Amino acid sequence: MKHVSLLRSRRRLVLLSSCGVALALAAAALGIPQTFSQPSQFILRAGKPAEEFFRDPANWAAGAAIPGESAEAVGKAASTASEPGMVFGVGAQAVQLHRDSAGELTEATIQYDAKALGMTPQTLRDALQTNIAAFAGAKPTLVSGQWRFVTPELVISLPHEPSPTLQVRLTRKDGVPAAKPPARSTP
């Protein structure tokens, strides 16, 4: 009888201590500051972040619409997509788009400004290097002063040296042809 009573008290003790830990964690979670913001125009139009958008070969094809790019600029040799929002986890200023004579996208250059972001050039470069490595799933190699990250679809280049304004270049990986672009939808 005494043994059963002792067992019940231990169960109660374990149950009470578990509840206490859960309550303490819940109270701590309430104190974690959280920031919610509206997605960028790029994400609202594309349905995904820029780095995921450019992973799709169809978005490199001639005539493919790039969110933030004016309709008149589609197919021109160079244009700019405005309001890209967060690209690789950092707020980008713009995306420069470069096309060949057939109108296929050959390069997308994402522009960042450390001062506008309230970051030092070193902090900006380090944040981008870490986030791009996570996106690519591999460590970069240093080629001609650029960190080069390779995914199955893209080659991503980041300057080795920090700078107040950084440009990250996305190019299609050799052998990945541009696919037929998706049908345009009207907003």
N, C-alpha and C. Protein backbone atom coordinates (compact mmCIF):
# COMPACT_ATOMS: atom_id res chain seq x y z
N MET A 1 0.82 -1.17 0.00
CA MET A 1 0.00 0.00 0.00
C MET A 1 0.87 1.25 0.00
N LYS A 2 1.90 1.22 0.83
CA LYS A 2 2.80 2.35 0.90
C LYS A 2 3.52 2.54 -0.44
N HIS A 3 3.87 1.43 -1.08
CA HIS A 3 4.56 1.45 -2.37
C HIS A 3 3.68 2.12 -3.44
N VAL A 4 2.39 1.82 -3.49
CA VAL A 4 1.47 2.39 -4.46
C VAL A 4 1.32 3.90 -4.21
N SER A 5 1.25 4.29 -2.96
CA SER A 5 1.13 5.70 -2.61
C SER A 5 2.37 6.48 -3.05
N LEU A 6 3.53 5.90 -2.85
CA LEU A 6 4.78 6.53 -3.23
C LEU A 6 4.86 6.66 -4.75
N LEU A 7 4.42 5.63 -5.47
CA LEU A 7 4.43 5.65 -6.93
C LEU A 7 3.51 6.76 -7.45
N ARG A 8 2.34 6.89 -6.85
CA ARG A 8 1.40 7.93 -7.26
C ARG A 8 1.98 9.32 -7.00
N SER A 9 2.65 9.51 -5.90
CA SER A 9 3.23 10.82 -5.59
C SER A 9 4.37 11.15 -6.57
N ARG A 10 5.11 10.15 -6.99
CA ARG A 10 6.17 10.39 -7.99
C ARG A 10 5.56 10.78 -9.33
N ARG A 11 4.48 10.11 -9.70
CA ARG A 11 3.80 10.45 -10.95
C ARG A 11 3.28 11.88 -10.90
N ARG A 12 2.71 12.24 -9.76
CA ARG A 12 2.22 13.61 -9.61
C ARG A 12 3.36 14.61 -9.69
N LEU A 13 4.47 14.27 -9.07
CA LEU A 13 5.63 15.15 -9.09
C LEU A 13 6.14 15.35 -10.52
N VAL A 14 6.22 14.26 -11.26
CA VAL A 14 6.67 14.34 -12.66
C VAL A 14 5.68 15.15 -13.48
N LEU A 15 4.39 14.90 -13.28
CA LEU A 15 3.36 15.63 -14.01
C LEU A 15 3.41 17.11 -13.68
N LEU A 16 3.52 17.45 -12.42
CA LEU A 16 3.56 18.85 -12.00
C LEU A 16 4.82 19.54 -12.53
N SER A 17 5.96 18.86 -12.47
CA SER A 17 7.19 19.49 -12.96
C SER A 17 7.13 19.68 -14.48
N SER A 18 6.52 18.73 -15.19
CA SER A 18 6.36 18.87 -16.64
C SER A 18 5.47 20.06 -16.97
N CYS A 19 4.40 20.21 -16.22
CA CYS A 19 3.50 21.34 -16.44
C CYS A 19 4.20 22.66 -16.12
N GLY A 20 5.02 22.65 -15.08
CA GLY A 20 5.76 23.85 -14.72
C GLY A 20 6.73 24.26 -15.82
N VAL A 21 7.43 23.29 -16.40
CA VAL A 21 8.37 23.59 -17.49
C VAL A 21 7.60 24.12 -18.71
N ALA A 22 6.46 23.50 -19.03
CA ALA A 22 5.67 23.96 -20.17
C ALA A 22 5.17 25.39 -19.96
N LEU A 23 4.73 25.70 -18.76
CA LEU A 23 4.27 27.06 -18.47
C LEU A 23 5.41 28.06 -18.56
N ALA A 24 6.58 27.68 -18.08
CA ALA A 24 7.73 28.58 -18.15
C ALA A 24 8.12 28.85 -19.59
N LEU A 25 8.11 27.81 -20.44
CA LEU A 25 8.44 27.99 -21.85
C LEU A 25 7.40 28.85 -22.55
N ALA A 26 6.13 28.64 -22.22
CA ALA A 26 5.07 29.44 -22.84
C ALA A 26 5.22 30.91 -22.46
N ALA A 27 5.56 31.17 -21.21
CA ALA A 27 5.74 32.56 -20.77
C ALA A 27 6.94 33.19 -21.48
N ALA A 28 8.00 32.41 -21.66
CA ALA A 28 9.19 32.93 -22.35
C ALA A 28 8.88 33.22 -23.82
N ALA A 29 8.06 32.38 -24.44
CA ALA A 29 7.71 32.57 -25.85
C ALA A 29 6.92 33.86 -26.04
N LEU A 30 6.13 34.24 -25.07
CA LEU A 30 5.37 35.47 -25.18
C LEU A 30 6.29 36.68 -25.21
N GLY A 31 7.48 36.57 -24.65
CA GLY A 31 8.41 37.68 -24.60
C GLY A 31 9.31 37.81 -25.81
N ILE A 32 9.21 36.89 -26.76
CA ILE A 32 10.05 36.94 -27.96
C ILE A 32 9.44 37.96 -28.92
N PRO A 33 10.20 39.03 -29.26
CA PRO A 33 9.65 40.01 -30.19
C PRO A 33 9.50 39.40 -31.59
N GLN A 34 8.40 39.71 -32.22
CA GLN A 34 8.13 39.19 -33.56
C GLN A 34 7.76 40.35 -34.47
N THR A 35 8.28 40.31 -35.69
CA THR A 35 7.99 41.35 -36.66
C THR A 35 7.34 40.70 -37.88
N PHE A 36 6.21 41.22 -38.26
CA PHE A 36 5.54 40.72 -39.45
C PHE A 36 5.44 41.87 -40.44
N SER A 37 5.75 41.60 -41.68
CA SER A 37 5.64 42.64 -42.71
C SER A 37 4.96 42.04 -43.93
N GLN A 38 4.47 42.90 -44.77
CA GLN A 38 3.82 42.46 -45.99
C GLN A 38 4.88 41.99 -46.97
N PRO A 39 4.60 40.94 -47.74
CA PRO A 39 5.57 40.48 -48.74
C PRO A 39 5.84 41.57 -49.77
N SER A 40 7.01 41.50 -50.40
CA SER A 40 7.38 42.48 -51.44
C SER A 40 6.47 42.31 -52.65
N GLN A 41 6.47 43.32 -53.51
CA GLN A 41 5.70 43.25 -54.74
C GLN A 41 6.17 42.09 -55.61
N PHE A 42 7.46 41.80 -55.56
CA PHE A 42 8.00 40.68 -56.34
C PHE A 42 7.33 39.38 -55.90
N ILE A 43 7.30 39.15 -54.59
CA ILE A 43 6.71 37.91 -54.08
C ILE A 43 5.21 37.88 -54.36
N LEU A 44 4.54 39.01 -54.21
CA LEU A 44 3.11 39.04 -54.47
C LEU A 44 2.80 38.71 -55.94
N ARG A 45 3.64 39.19 -56.85
CA ARG A 45 3.41 38.93 -58.29
C ARG A 45 3.89 37.55 -58.72
N ALA A 46 5.05 37.12 -58.20
CA ALA A 46 5.63 35.84 -58.62
C ALA A 46 5.11 34.66 -57.80
N GLY A 47 4.68 34.95 -56.58
CA GLY A 47 4.23 33.87 -55.70
C GLY A 47 5.37 33.18 -54.98
N LYS A 48 6.59 33.69 -55.15
CA LYS A 48 7.76 33.12 -54.48
C LYS A 48 8.88 34.15 -54.46
N PRO A 49 9.87 33.97 -53.59
CA PRO A 49 11.00 34.92 -53.55
C PRO A 49 11.80 34.88 -54.85
N ALA A 50 12.53 35.97 -55.09
CA ALA A 50 13.29 36.10 -56.34
C ALA A 50 14.26 34.94 -56.56
N GLU A 51 14.96 34.50 -55.51
CA GLU A 51 15.94 33.42 -55.70
C GLU A 51 15.26 32.13 -56.16
N GLU A 52 14.05 31.87 -55.70
CA GLU A 52 13.30 30.69 -56.15
C GLU A 52 12.74 30.92 -57.55
N PHE A 53 12.30 32.13 -57.84
CA PHE A 53 11.78 32.48 -59.15
C PHE A 53 12.84 32.23 -60.23
N PHE A 54 14.07 32.69 -59.99
CA PHE A 54 15.12 32.56 -61.00
C PHE A 54 15.67 31.15 -61.10
N ARG A 55 15.31 30.28 -60.18
CA ARG A 55 15.72 28.87 -60.25
C ARG A 55 14.98 28.14 -61.38
N ASP A 56 13.80 28.63 -61.75
CA ASP A 56 12.96 27.99 -62.75
C ASP A 56 13.42 28.37 -64.16
N PRO A 57 13.86 27.41 -64.97
CA PRO A 57 14.33 27.72 -66.33
C PRO A 57 13.31 28.44 -67.21
N ALA A 58 12.02 28.25 -66.95
CA ALA A 58 10.99 28.92 -67.75
C ALA A 58 11.06 30.43 -67.59
N ASN A 59 11.56 30.91 -66.48
CA ASN A 59 11.62 32.35 -66.25
C ASN A 59 12.83 33.01 -66.93
N TRP A 60 13.66 32.23 -67.60
CA TRP A 60 14.80 32.76 -68.34
C TRP A 60 14.50 32.82 -69.84
N ALA A 61 13.37 32.29 -70.26
CA ALA A 61 13.03 32.21 -71.68
C ALA A 61 12.68 33.58 -72.26
N ALA A 62 12.80 33.69 -73.57
CA ALA A 62 12.42 34.93 -74.27
C ALA A 62 10.95 35.21 -74.00
N GLY A 63 10.66 36.45 -73.65
CA GLY A 63 9.28 36.85 -73.41
C GLY A 63 8.75 36.55 -72.02
N ALA A 64 9.55 35.91 -71.18
CA ALA A 64 9.10 35.61 -69.82
C ALA A 64 8.97 36.91 -69.03
N ALA A 65 7.85 37.05 -68.34
CA ALA A 65 7.62 38.26 -67.54
C ALA A 65 8.34 38.14 -66.20
N ILE A 66 9.07 39.18 -65.85
CA ILE A 66 9.77 39.24 -64.58
C ILE A 66 9.01 40.22 -63.70
N PRO A 67 8.57 39.81 -62.50
CA PRO A 67 7.83 40.73 -61.63
C PRO A 67 8.62 42.01 -61.36
N GLY A 68 7.95 43.15 -61.48
CA GLY A 68 8.59 44.44 -61.24
C GLY A 68 9.17 45.07 -62.49
N GLU A 69 9.23 44.31 -63.58
CA GLU A 69 9.74 44.83 -64.85
C GLU A 69 8.55 45.36 -65.66
N SER A 70 8.72 46.52 -66.24
CA SER A 70 7.62 47.09 -67.01
C SER A 70 7.39 46.26 -68.28
N ALA A 71 6.15 46.23 -68.76
CA ALA A 71 5.80 45.44 -69.95
C ALA A 71 6.60 45.89 -71.18
N GLU A 72 6.90 47.20 -71.26
CA GLU A 72 7.67 47.71 -72.40
C GLU A 72 9.12 47.22 -72.38
N ALA A 73 9.64 46.89 -71.21
CA ALA A 73 11.03 46.49 -71.08
C ALA A 73 11.26 45.02 -71.40
N VAL A 74 10.21 44.19 -71.37
CA VAL A 74 10.36 42.76 -71.63
C VAL A 74 10.95 42.56 -73.01
N GLY A 75 12.03 41.82 -73.10
CA GLY A 75 12.68 41.54 -74.37
C GLY A 75 13.79 42.50 -74.72
N LYS A 76 13.93 43.60 -74.01
CA LYS A 76 15.02 44.56 -74.27
C LYS A 76 16.32 44.00 -73.69
N ALA A 77 17.44 44.49 -74.20
CA ALA A 77 18.75 43.98 -73.78
C ALA A 77 19.01 44.15 -72.29
N ALA A 78 18.58 45.27 -71.72
CA ALA A 78 18.79 45.50 -70.29
C ALA A 78 17.59 46.24 -69.71
N SER A 79 17.20 45.85 -68.52
CA SER A 79 16.10 46.52 -67.83
C SER A 79 16.26 46.29 -66.33
N THR A 80 15.37 46.90 -65.56
CA THR A 80 15.43 46.79 -64.11
C THR A 80 14.09 46.35 -63.57
N ALA A 81 14.12 45.40 -62.65
CA ALA A 81 12.92 45.00 -61.92
C ALA A 81 12.98 45.69 -60.57
N SER A 82 11.99 46.52 -60.29
CA SER A 82 12.01 47.27 -59.04
C SER A 82 11.32 46.49 -57.92
N GLU A 83 11.56 46.92 -56.71
CA GLU A 83 10.95 46.36 -55.50
C GLU A 83 11.09 44.84 -55.37
N PRO A 84 12.31 44.31 -55.45
CA PRO A 84 12.44 42.85 -55.31
C PRO A 84 12.22 42.36 -53.89
N GLY A 85 12.36 43.26 -52.90
CA GLY A 85 12.18 42.83 -51.51
C GLY A 85 13.38 42.03 -51.02
N MET A 86 13.11 41.06 -50.16
CA MET A 86 14.17 40.23 -49.60
C MET A 86 14.62 39.21 -50.64
N VAL A 87 15.91 39.22 -50.93
CA VAL A 87 16.50 38.24 -51.83
C VAL A 87 17.69 37.65 -51.07
N PHE A 88 17.70 36.36 -50.90
CA PHE A 88 18.68 35.67 -50.07
C PHE A 88 18.64 36.20 -48.63
N GLY A 89 17.45 36.53 -48.17
CA GLY A 89 17.26 36.95 -46.78
C GLY A 89 17.69 38.36 -46.45
N VAL A 90 18.06 39.15 -47.46
CA VAL A 90 18.51 40.53 -47.25
C VAL A 90 17.74 41.44 -48.21
N GLY A 91 17.36 42.62 -47.74
CA GLY A 91 16.59 43.56 -48.56
C GLY A 91 17.39 44.07 -49.75
N ALA A 92 16.94 43.74 -50.96
CA ALA A 92 17.63 44.16 -52.18
C ALA A 92 17.04 45.48 -52.69
N GLN A 93 17.86 46.27 -53.37
CA GLN A 93 17.43 47.54 -53.94
C GLN A 93 16.72 47.34 -55.27
N ALA A 94 17.31 46.53 -56.15
CA ALA A 94 16.76 46.31 -57.49
C ALA A 94 17.39 45.07 -58.09
N VAL A 95 16.83 44.62 -59.20
CA VAL A 95 17.39 43.51 -59.97
C VAL A 95 17.58 44.00 -61.40
N GLN A 96 18.84 44.01 -61.85
CA GLN A 96 19.16 44.36 -63.24
C GLN A 96 19.03 43.09 -64.07
N LEU A 97 18.34 43.19 -65.19
CA LEU A 97 18.11 42.04 -66.06
C LEU A 97 18.84 42.25 -67.38
N HIS A 98 19.54 41.22 -67.83
CA HIS A 98 20.30 41.29 -69.09
C HIS A 98 19.83 40.15 -69.99
N ARG A 99 19.53 40.50 -71.25
CA ARG A 99 19.04 39.52 -72.22
C ARG A 99 19.93 39.48 -73.45
N ASP A 100 19.90 38.32 -74.12
CA ASP A 100 20.64 38.20 -75.37
C ASP A 100 19.77 38.70 -76.52
N SER A 101 20.29 38.60 -77.75
CA SER A 101 19.58 39.13 -78.91
C SER A 101 18.26 38.40 -79.18
N ALA A 102 18.14 37.16 -78.70
CA ALA A 102 16.90 36.40 -78.88
C ALA A 102 15.88 36.73 -77.80
N GLY A 103 16.28 37.54 -76.82
CA GLY A 103 15.37 37.92 -75.75
C GLY A 103 15.41 37.03 -74.52
N GLU A 104 16.29 36.00 -74.53
CA GLU A 104 16.41 35.13 -73.35
C GLU A 104 17.22 35.85 -72.27
N LEU A 105 16.81 35.68 -71.05
CA LEU A 105 17.52 36.26 -69.92
C LEU A 105 18.86 35.54 -69.78
N THR A 106 19.95 36.30 -69.70
CA THR A 106 21.28 35.70 -69.56
C THR A 106 21.86 35.92 -68.17
N GLU A 107 21.40 36.98 -67.50
CA GLU A 107 21.94 37.31 -66.18
C GLU A 107 20.94 38.18 -65.43
N ALA A 108 20.86 37.93 -64.14
CA ALA A 108 20.10 38.80 -63.23
C ALA A 108 21.08 39.25 -62.16
N THR A 109 21.23 40.55 -62.00
CA THR A 109 22.16 41.10 -61.01
C THR A 109 21.36 41.78 -59.91
N ILE A 110 21.49 41.26 -58.71
CA ILE A 110 20.74 41.78 -57.57
C ILE A 110 21.62 42.80 -56.86
N GLN A 111 21.07 43.99 -56.65
CA GLN A 111 21.84 45.09 -56.07
C GLN A 111 21.43 45.32 -54.61
N TYR A 112 22.46 45.46 -53.76
CA TYR A 112 22.27 45.71 -52.33
C TYR A 112 23.03 46.96 -51.93
N ASP A 113 22.52 47.70 -50.96
CA ASP A 113 23.16 48.89 -50.44
C ASP A 113 23.28 48.75 -48.92
N ALA A 114 24.52 48.57 -48.43
CA ALA A 114 24.75 48.35 -47.00
C ALA A 114 24.23 49.51 -46.16
N LYS A 115 24.49 50.74 -46.60
CA LYS A 115 24.08 51.91 -45.83
C LYS A 115 22.56 51.97 -45.71
N ALA A 116 21.84 51.74 -46.79
CA ALA A 116 20.38 51.77 -46.77
C ALA A 116 19.82 50.68 -45.86
N LEU A 117 20.56 49.60 -45.69
CA LEU A 117 20.13 48.50 -44.84
C LEU A 117 20.57 48.67 -43.39
N GLY A 118 21.38 49.71 -43.12
CA GLY A 118 21.90 49.91 -41.78
C GLY A 118 22.95 48.87 -41.40
N MET A 119 23.69 48.40 -42.38
CA MET A 119 24.70 47.37 -42.16
C MET A 119 26.07 47.89 -42.58
N THR A 120 27.10 47.27 -42.06
CA THR A 120 28.44 47.56 -42.57
C THR A 120 28.62 46.72 -43.84
N PRO A 121 29.53 47.13 -44.72
CA PRO A 121 29.78 46.31 -45.91
C PRO A 121 30.18 44.87 -45.57
N GLN A 122 30.98 44.70 -44.52
CA GLN A 122 31.41 43.36 -44.11
C GLN A 122 30.22 42.52 -43.64
N THR A 123 29.35 43.13 -42.83
CA THR A 123 28.17 42.41 -42.33
C THR A 123 27.25 42.02 -43.47
N LEU A 124 27.06 42.92 -44.43
CA LEU A 124 26.23 42.63 -45.59
C LEU A 124 26.80 41.46 -46.38
N ARG A 125 28.09 41.54 -46.69
CA ARG A 125 28.72 40.46 -47.47
C ARG A 125 28.65 39.13 -46.72
N ASP A 126 28.90 39.15 -45.40
CA ASP A 126 28.87 37.92 -44.61
C ASP A 126 27.45 37.32 -44.57
N ALA A 127 26.44 38.18 -44.40
CA ALA A 127 25.05 37.71 -44.37
C ALA A 127 24.68 37.07 -45.71
N LEU A 128 25.05 37.73 -46.80
CA LEU A 128 24.74 37.18 -48.12
C LEU A 128 25.48 35.87 -48.35
N GLN A 129 26.75 35.81 -47.97
CA GLN A 129 27.53 34.58 -48.17
C GLN A 129 26.90 33.41 -47.41
N THR A 130 26.50 33.65 -46.18
CA THR A 130 25.88 32.59 -45.37
C THR A 130 24.55 32.16 -45.97
N ASN A 131 23.72 33.12 -46.34
CA ASN A 131 22.39 32.80 -46.87
C ASN A 131 22.44 32.15 -48.24
N ILE A 132 23.36 32.60 -49.08
CA ILE A 132 23.48 31.98 -50.41
C ILE A 132 24.02 30.56 -50.28
N ALA A 133 24.95 30.35 -49.37
CA ALA A 133 25.47 28.98 -49.15
C ALA A 133 24.34 28.06 -48.70
N ALA A 134 23.46 28.55 -47.82
CA ALA A 134 22.32 27.74 -47.38
C ALA A 134 21.38 27.46 -48.55
N PHE A 135 21.14 28.46 -49.39
CA PHE A 135 20.28 28.30 -50.55
C PHE A 135 20.87 27.29 -51.53
N ALA A 136 22.17 27.42 -51.80
CA ALA A 136 22.84 26.55 -52.77
C ALA A 136 23.08 25.15 -52.21
N GLY A 137 23.14 25.04 -50.89
CA GLY A 137 23.39 23.73 -50.28
C GLY A 137 24.83 23.27 -50.42
N ALA A 138 25.73 24.22 -50.64
CA ALA A 138 27.14 23.86 -50.80
C ALA A 138 28.02 25.05 -50.46
N LYS A 139 29.27 24.76 -50.15
CA LYS A 139 30.24 25.82 -49.89
C LYS A 139 30.69 26.41 -51.23
N PRO A 140 31.03 27.70 -51.22
CA PRO A 140 31.46 28.32 -52.48
C PRO A 140 32.92 28.05 -52.79
N THR A 141 33.28 28.33 -54.03
CA THR A 141 34.69 28.33 -54.42
C THR A 141 35.05 29.76 -54.80
N LEU A 142 36.29 30.14 -54.59
CA LEU A 142 36.74 31.48 -54.92
C LEU A 142 37.33 31.46 -56.33
N VAL A 143 36.71 32.22 -57.24
CA VAL A 143 37.13 32.27 -58.63
C VAL A 143 37.23 33.73 -59.05
N SER A 144 38.41 34.18 -59.39
CA SER A 144 38.64 35.55 -59.89
C SER A 144 38.01 36.62 -58.99
N GLY A 145 38.23 36.52 -57.69
CA GLY A 145 37.75 37.52 -56.76
C GLY A 145 36.26 37.45 -56.46
N GLN A 146 35.61 36.37 -56.87
CA GLN A 146 34.18 36.18 -56.63
C GLN A 146 33.96 34.83 -55.94
N TRP A 147 33.07 34.82 -54.93
CA TRP A 147 32.62 33.56 -54.36
C TRP A 147 31.61 33.00 -55.34
N ARG A 148 31.82 31.77 -55.78
CA ARG A 148 30.93 31.16 -56.77
C ARG A 148 30.19 29.98 -56.11
N PHE A 149 28.87 30.08 -56.13
CA PHE A 149 28.00 29.05 -55.59
C PHE A 149 27.30 28.40 -56.78
N VAL A 150 27.22 27.08 -56.82
CA VAL A 150 26.61 26.39 -57.95
C VAL A 150 25.46 25.53 -57.46
N THR A 151 24.29 25.73 -58.08
CA THR A 151 23.12 24.89 -57.82
C THR A 151 22.88 24.09 -59.10
N PRO A 152 21.95 23.15 -59.09
CA PRO A 152 21.68 22.42 -60.34
C PRO A 152 21.23 23.32 -61.49
N GLU A 153 20.64 24.51 -61.17
CA GLU A 153 20.12 25.38 -62.22
C GLU A 153 20.92 26.67 -62.41
N LEU A 154 21.58 27.15 -61.35
CA LEU A 154 22.19 28.48 -61.36
C LEU A 154 23.64 28.48 -60.94
N VAL A 155 24.34 29.54 -61.38
CA VAL A 155 25.65 29.89 -60.84
C VAL A 155 25.45 31.27 -60.20
N ILE A 156 25.78 31.36 -58.93
CA ILE A 156 25.58 32.60 -58.18
C ILE A 156 26.96 33.13 -57.80
N SER A 157 27.24 34.40 -58.14
CA SER A 157 28.54 35.01 -57.85
C SER A 157 28.36 36.16 -56.88
N LEU A 158 29.20 36.18 -55.85
CA LEU A 158 29.20 37.22 -54.82
C LEU A 158 30.63 37.74 -54.69
N PRO A 159 30.84 39.07 -54.71
CA PRO A 159 32.20 39.59 -54.56
C PRO A 159 32.86 39.12 -53.27
N HIS A 160 34.13 38.77 -53.38
CA HIS A 160 34.90 38.33 -52.20
C HIS A 160 35.13 39.48 -51.24
N GLU A 161 35.40 40.66 -51.77
CA GLU A 161 35.68 41.83 -50.94
C GLU A 161 34.39 42.57 -50.60
N PRO A 162 34.22 42.95 -49.33
CA PRO A 162 33.04 43.74 -48.95
C PRO A 162 33.06 45.10 -49.65
N SER A 163 31.88 45.63 -49.92
CA SER A 163 31.74 46.92 -50.57
C SER A 163 30.44 47.55 -50.08
N PRO A 164 30.37 48.90 -50.03
CA PRO A 164 29.12 49.53 -49.59
C PRO A 164 27.92 49.15 -50.46
N THR A 165 28.16 48.91 -51.74
CA THR A 165 27.12 48.41 -52.63
C THR A 165 27.60 47.09 -53.21
N LEU A 166 26.81 46.06 -53.02
CA LEU A 166 27.18 44.73 -53.51
C LEU A 166 26.24 44.30 -54.62
N GLN A 167 26.78 43.57 -55.56
CA GLN A 167 25.97 43.01 -56.64
C GLN A 167 26.17 41.50 -56.66
N VAL A 168 25.07 40.78 -56.57
CA VAL A 168 25.09 39.33 -56.65
C VAL A 168 24.58 38.96 -58.04
N ARG A 169 25.39 38.21 -58.78
CA ARG A 169 25.04 37.83 -60.16
C ARG A 169 24.49 36.41 -60.20
N LEU A 170 23.35 36.27 -60.88
CA LEU A 170 22.77 34.95 -61.13
C LEU A 170 22.85 34.68 -62.62
N THR A 171 23.41 33.56 -62.99
CA THR A 171 23.44 33.15 -64.39
C THR A 171 22.95 31.71 -64.47
N ARG A 172 22.40 31.35 -65.62
CA ARG A 172 21.97 29.96 -65.81
C ARG A 172 23.18 29.07 -65.88
N LYS A 173 23.09 27.94 -65.25
CA LYS A 173 24.19 26.98 -65.31
C LYS A 173 24.28 26.42 -66.73
N ASP A 174 25.50 26.23 -67.21
CA ASP A 174 25.70 25.68 -68.56
C ASP A 174 24.93 24.38 -68.70
N GLY A 175 24.27 24.23 -69.82
CA GLY A 175 23.54 23.00 -70.09
C GLY A 175 22.10 23.02 -69.61
N VAL A 176 21.67 24.08 -68.92
CA VAL A 176 20.27 24.19 -68.49
C VAL A 176 19.60 25.17 -69.44
N PRO A 177 18.87 24.64 -70.43
CA PRO A 177 18.23 25.54 -71.40
C PRO A 177 17.04 26.26 -70.78
N ALA A 178 16.74 27.42 -71.34
CA ALA A 178 15.54 28.14 -70.93
C ALA A 178 14.35 27.35 -71.42
N ALA A 179 13.39 27.16 -70.57
CA ALA A 179 12.17 26.43 -70.94
C ALA A 179 11.15 27.39 -71.51
N LYS A 180 10.08 26.86 -72.04
CA LYS A 180 9.01 27.70 -72.56
C LYS A 180 8.42 28.50 -71.39
N PRO A 181 8.26 29.82 -71.57
CA PRO A 181 7.73 30.61 -70.46
C PRO A 181 6.27 30.29 -70.16
N PRO A 182 5.86 30.45 -68.92
CA PRO A 182 4.46 30.23 -68.61
C PRO A 182 3.59 31.29 -69.28
N ALA A 183 2.34 30.95 -69.51
CA ALA A 183 1.42 31.91 -70.14
C ALA A 183 1.27 33.13 -69.23
N ARG A 184 1.23 34.31 -69.85
CA ARG A 184 1.09 35.56 -69.08
C ARG A 184 -0.33 35.66 -68.57
N SER A 185 -0.42 36.11 -67.33
CA SER A 185 -1.74 36.37 -66.77
C SER A 185 -1.87 37.86 -66.53
N THR A 186 -3.05 38.35 -66.63
CA THR A 186 -3.26 39.77 -66.38
C THR A 186 -3.59 39.97 -64.91
N PRO A 187 -2.98 41.00 -64.29
CA PRO A 187 -3.21 41.20 -62.86
C PRO A 187 -4.61 41.67 -62.54
